[in-house]
Amino acid sequence: MTTPVSSMVLVLIGSFIGSFGAVFLKSGAGRTNCLKTLLFNPRLVAGVTLFLLSTVFYLSGIREGELTILYPMVSLGYVWTLLWSRLFFKEPLTRNKFLGLGMILAGIVVLSFGNR
């Protein structure tokens, strides 16, 4: 079975959207302290909505391709999140974070060429 590029694109879009979901969850998490405000916090609602939307893209992508190729691409969400954390929350980019980022990218490349 080969994995169509369209499946890869759908999974990549899903990981991108999901990483924004994490940004909204973090942004909204500090603004709530009880269940009532948790349920009506627009940032938390946006974060959960983005995670659900990312799941739709992910499910659409894995229907036609190899899970062993597509699932590692979900880890690109960590790469996006690292960038968004720096951009929106001014979190530091350390040497260890760059090392981890490189390992994630290398793993995706190795797994994607594993069946060739």
Protein backbone atom coordinates (compact mmCIF):
# COMPACT_ATOMS: atom_id res chain seq x y z
CA MET A 1 0.00 0.00 0.00
CA THR A 2 1.30 3.43 -0.84
CA THR A 3 0.41 6.58 1.00
CA PRO A 4 -1.04 9.34 -1.18
CA VAL A 5 0.35 12.84 -0.83
CA SER A 6 -3.19 14.06 -0.14
CA SER A 7 -3.28 11.90 3.00
CA MET A 8 0.03 13.36 4.15
CA VAL A 9 -1.24 16.89 3.55
CA LEU A 10 -4.41 16.23 5.56
CA VAL A 11 -2.39 14.86 8.49
CA LEU A 12 0.01 17.82 8.32
CA ILE A 13 -2.90 20.27 8.33
CA GLY A 14 -4.36 18.42 11.30
CA SER A 15 -1.11 18.67 13.25
CA PHE A 16 -0.88 22.39 12.44
CA ILE A 17 -4.44 23.07 13.60
CA GLY A 18 -3.95 20.94 16.72
CA SER A 19 -0.87 22.93 17.69
CA PHE A 20 -2.96 26.11 17.63
CA GLY A 21 -5.44 24.29 19.85
CA ALA A 22 -2.68 23.87 22.41
CA VAL A 23 -1.91 27.60 22.24
CA PHE A 24 -5.54 28.49 22.96
CA LEU A 25 -5.73 25.96 25.80
CA LYS A 26 -2.63 27.41 27.46
CA SER A 27 -3.86 30.94 26.93
CA GLY A 28 -7.24 30.15 28.46
CA ALA A 29 -6.02 27.88 31.26
CA GLY A 30 -4.68 30.74 33.35
CA ARG A 31 -7.97 32.60 33.13
CA THR A 32 -10.16 30.10 34.92
CA ASN A 33 -10.43 28.72 38.42
CA CYS A 34 -13.78 26.98 38.59
CA LEU A 35 -15.90 24.68 36.47
CA LYS A 36 -18.38 27.39 35.46
CA THR A 37 -15.72 29.68 34.00
CA LEU A 38 -14.00 26.65 32.47
CA LEU A 39 -17.07 25.82 30.39
CA PHE A 40 -17.57 29.37 29.16
CA ASN A 41 -13.98 30.44 28.62
CA PRO A 42 -13.79 31.37 24.91
CA ARG A 43 -10.10 30.50 24.62
CA LEU A 44 -10.62 27.05 26.11
CA VAL A 45 -13.63 26.48 23.86
CA ALA A 46 -11.54 27.57 20.86
CA GLY A 47 -8.72 25.21 21.89
CA VAL A 48 -11.04 22.22 22.21
CA THR A 49 -12.74 23.14 18.92
CA LEU A 50 -9.38 23.29 17.15
CA PHE A 51 -8.43 19.88 18.57
CA LEU A 52 -11.70 18.42 17.29
CA LEU A 53 -11.14 20.01 13.89
CA SER A 54 -7.61 18.62 13.77
CA THR A 55 -9.05 15.17 14.50
CA VAL A 56 -11.34 15.48 11.47
CA PHE A 57 -8.32 16.21 9.25
CA TYR A 58 -6.34 13.39 10.85
CA LEU A 59 -9.14 10.85 10.36
CA SER A 60 -9.59 11.95 6.77
CA GLY A 61 -5.88 11.51 6.16
CA ILE A 62 -5.43 8.06 7.66
CA ARG A 63 -8.26 6.50 5.66
CA GLU A 64 -6.17 6.12 2.52
CA GLY A 65 -2.59 5.70 3.69
CA GLU A 66 -0.27 3.67 5.84
CA LEU A 67 -0.59 4.44 9.52
CA THR A 68 3.13 3.75 10.02
CA ILE A 69 3.88 6.61 7.63
CA LEU A 70 1.15 9.03 8.67
CA TYR A 71 1.11 8.73 12.45
CA PRO A 72 4.70 9.94 12.94
CA MET A 73 3.73 13.07 11.01
CA VAL A 74 1.38 13.94 13.86
CA SER A 75 4.50 14.60 15.94
CA LEU A 76 5.06 17.69 13.80
CA GLY A 77 2.54 19.23 16.17
CA TYR A 78 5.40 19.39 18.69
CA VAL A 79 7.47 21.34 16.17
CA TRP A 80 4.66 23.82 15.53
CA THR A 81 4.00 24.13 19.26
CA LEU A 82 7.64 24.93 19.92
CA LEU A 83 7.43 27.79 17.43
CA TRP A 84 4.09 29.09 18.73
CA SER A 85 5.34 28.92 22.33
CA ARG A 86 8.23 31.17 21.41
CA LEU A 87 6.07 33.53 19.37
CA PHE A 88 3.05 33.88 21.68
CA PHE A 89 4.42 33.11 25.16
CA LYS A 90 8.07 34.18 24.76
CA GLU A 91 9.27 30.76 25.93
CA PRO A 92 13.00 30.26 25.40
CA LEU A 93 14.36 28.12 22.57
CA THR A 94 17.10 26.09 24.24
CA ARG A 95 19.71 23.79 22.80
CA ASN A 96 17.81 20.78 24.14
CA LYS A 97 14.61 21.92 22.45
CA PHE A 98 16.44 22.25 19.14
CA LEU A 99 17.99 18.81 19.66
CA GLY A 100 14.55 17.33 20.31
CA LEU A 101 13.16 19.11 17.27
CA GLY A 102 15.94 17.64 15.14
CA MET A 103 15.25 14.16 16.50
CA ILE A 104 11.55 14.47 15.70
CA LEU A 105 12.25 15.58 12.14
CA ALA A 106 14.88 12.87 11.64
CA GLY A 107 12.46 10.23 12.93
CA ILE A 108 9.77 11.35 10.52
CA VAL A 109 12.20 11.21 7.59
CA VAL A 110 13.50 7.75 8.55
CA LEU A 111 10.01 6.34 8.98
CA SER A 112 8.66 7.88 5.81
CA PHE A 113 11.42 6.31 3.72
CA GLY A 114 11.31 3.02 5.61
CA ASN A 115 9.22 1.16 3.02
CA ARG A 116 11.15 2.27 -0.03
